[in-house]
């Protein structure tokens, strides 16, 4: 279940309009909000005064559970040998 949710999250390369020289690898808050709303603080109409924010710490438990799911799959496949 966690892995299915994690697979819905799209990782992007992007640049902030006010810092075009710096490339960032991360998530688009508006996209992440559709998949994991608890990890996103919704901003206001003007992104320069009230931007959307991502709490990356909220994604860690999902990642850990996904790793556990993958590990269980690997163990199951290895036991078939």
Protein backbone atom coordinates (compact mmCIF):
# COMPACT_ATOMS: atom_id res chain seq x y z
CA UNK A 1 0.00 0.00 0.00
CA UNK A 2 2.76 2.47 0.88
CA UNK A 3 4.64 1.55 -2.28
CA UNK A 4 1.55 2.24 -4.40
CA UNK A 5 1.28 5.70 -2.85
CA UNK A 6 4.98 6.36 -3.28
CA UNK A 7 4.79 5.42 -6.96
CA UNK A 8 2.19 8.17 -7.48
CA UNK A 9 4.63 10.85 -6.35
CA UNK A 10 6.48 12.44 -9.23
CA UNK A 11 10.04 13.67 -8.69
CA UNK A 12 10.86 16.78 -10.71
CA UNK A 13 13.81 18.97 -11.61
CA UNK A 14 12.83 22.61 -11.48
CA UNK A 15 14.01 26.14 -10.85
CA UNK A 16 12.37 28.84 -8.76
CA UNK A 17 11.43 31.93 -10.72
CA UNK A 18 13.37 34.13 -8.31
CA UNK A 19 16.46 31.85 -8.40
CA UNK A 20 16.75 30.48 -11.95
CA UNK A 21 20.44 29.68 -11.54
CA UNK A 22 19.72 26.97 -8.95
CA UNK A 23 18.23 23.68 -10.10
CA UNK A 24 16.28 21.72 -7.51
CA UNK A 25 15.26 18.09 -7.46
CA UNK A 26 12.10 17.56 -5.47
CA UNK A 27 8.35 17.69 -5.67
CA UNK A 28 5.79 20.17 -6.89
CA UNK A 29 3.69 20.94 -3.81
CA UNK A 30 0.43 21.15 -5.73
CA UNK A 31 1.01 17.69 -7.23
CA UNK A 32 2.14 16.16 -3.93
CA UNK A 33 -0.94 17.56 -2.21
CA UNK A 34 -3.13 15.32 -4.38
CA UNK A 35 -1.26 12.21 -3.23
CA UNK A 36 -0.09 13.08 0.28
CA UNK A 37 -1.98 16.14 1.52
CA UNK A 38 -0.58 15.87 5.05
CA UNK A 39 2.89 16.69 3.74
CA UNK A 40 1.83 19.97 2.14
CA UNK A 41 0.94 23.33 3.61
CA UNK A 42 -1.40 25.00 1.15
CA UNK A 43 -0.42 28.52 0.19
CA UNK A 44 -2.45 31.52 -0.80
CA UNK A 45 -3.29 33.13 -4.10
CA UNK A 46 0.00 35.02 -4.30
CA UNK A 47 2.94 32.57 -4.16
CA UNK A 48 5.39 35.37 -3.39
CA UNK A 49 3.66 36.13 -0.08
CA UNK A 50 2.03 32.78 0.74
CA UNK A 51 3.80 29.92 -1.08
CA UNK A 52 2.85 26.26 -0.90
CA UNK A 53 5.30 24.40 1.34
CA UNK A 54 6.34 20.77 1.62
CA UNK A 55 7.21 19.12 4.91
CA UNK A 56 9.68 16.54 3.62
CA UNK A 57 9.81 14.84 7.02
CA UNK A 58 6.21 13.69 6.47
CA UNK A 59 7.37 11.63 3.49
CA UNK A 60 9.94 9.58 5.44
CA UNK A 61 7.45 7.13 7.05
CA UNK A 62 5.98 6.43 3.62
CA UNK A 63 9.46 5.74 2.25
CA UNK A 64 10.31 3.43 5.15
CA UNK A 65 7.10 1.45 4.73
CA UNK A 66 7.77 1.19 1.00
CA UNK A 67 11.24 -0.19 1.70
CA UNK A 68 9.71 -2.74 4.08
CA UNK A 69 7.20 -3.79 1.42
CA UNK A 70 9.97 -4.19 -1.14
CA UNK A 71 12.09 -6.14 1.33
CA UNK A 72 9.20 -8.53 1.98
CA UNK A 73 8.81 -9.05 -1.78
CA UNK A 74 12.52 -9.75 -2.17
CA UNK A 75 12.49 -12.27 0.69
CA UNK A 76 9.49 -14.00 -0.84
CA UNK A 77 11.19 -14.22 -4.24
CA UNK A 78 14.43 -15.46 -2.68
CA UNK A 79 12.58 -18.18 -0.82
CA UNK A 80 11.33 -19.61 -4.12
CA UNK A 81 14.86 -20.71 -5.09
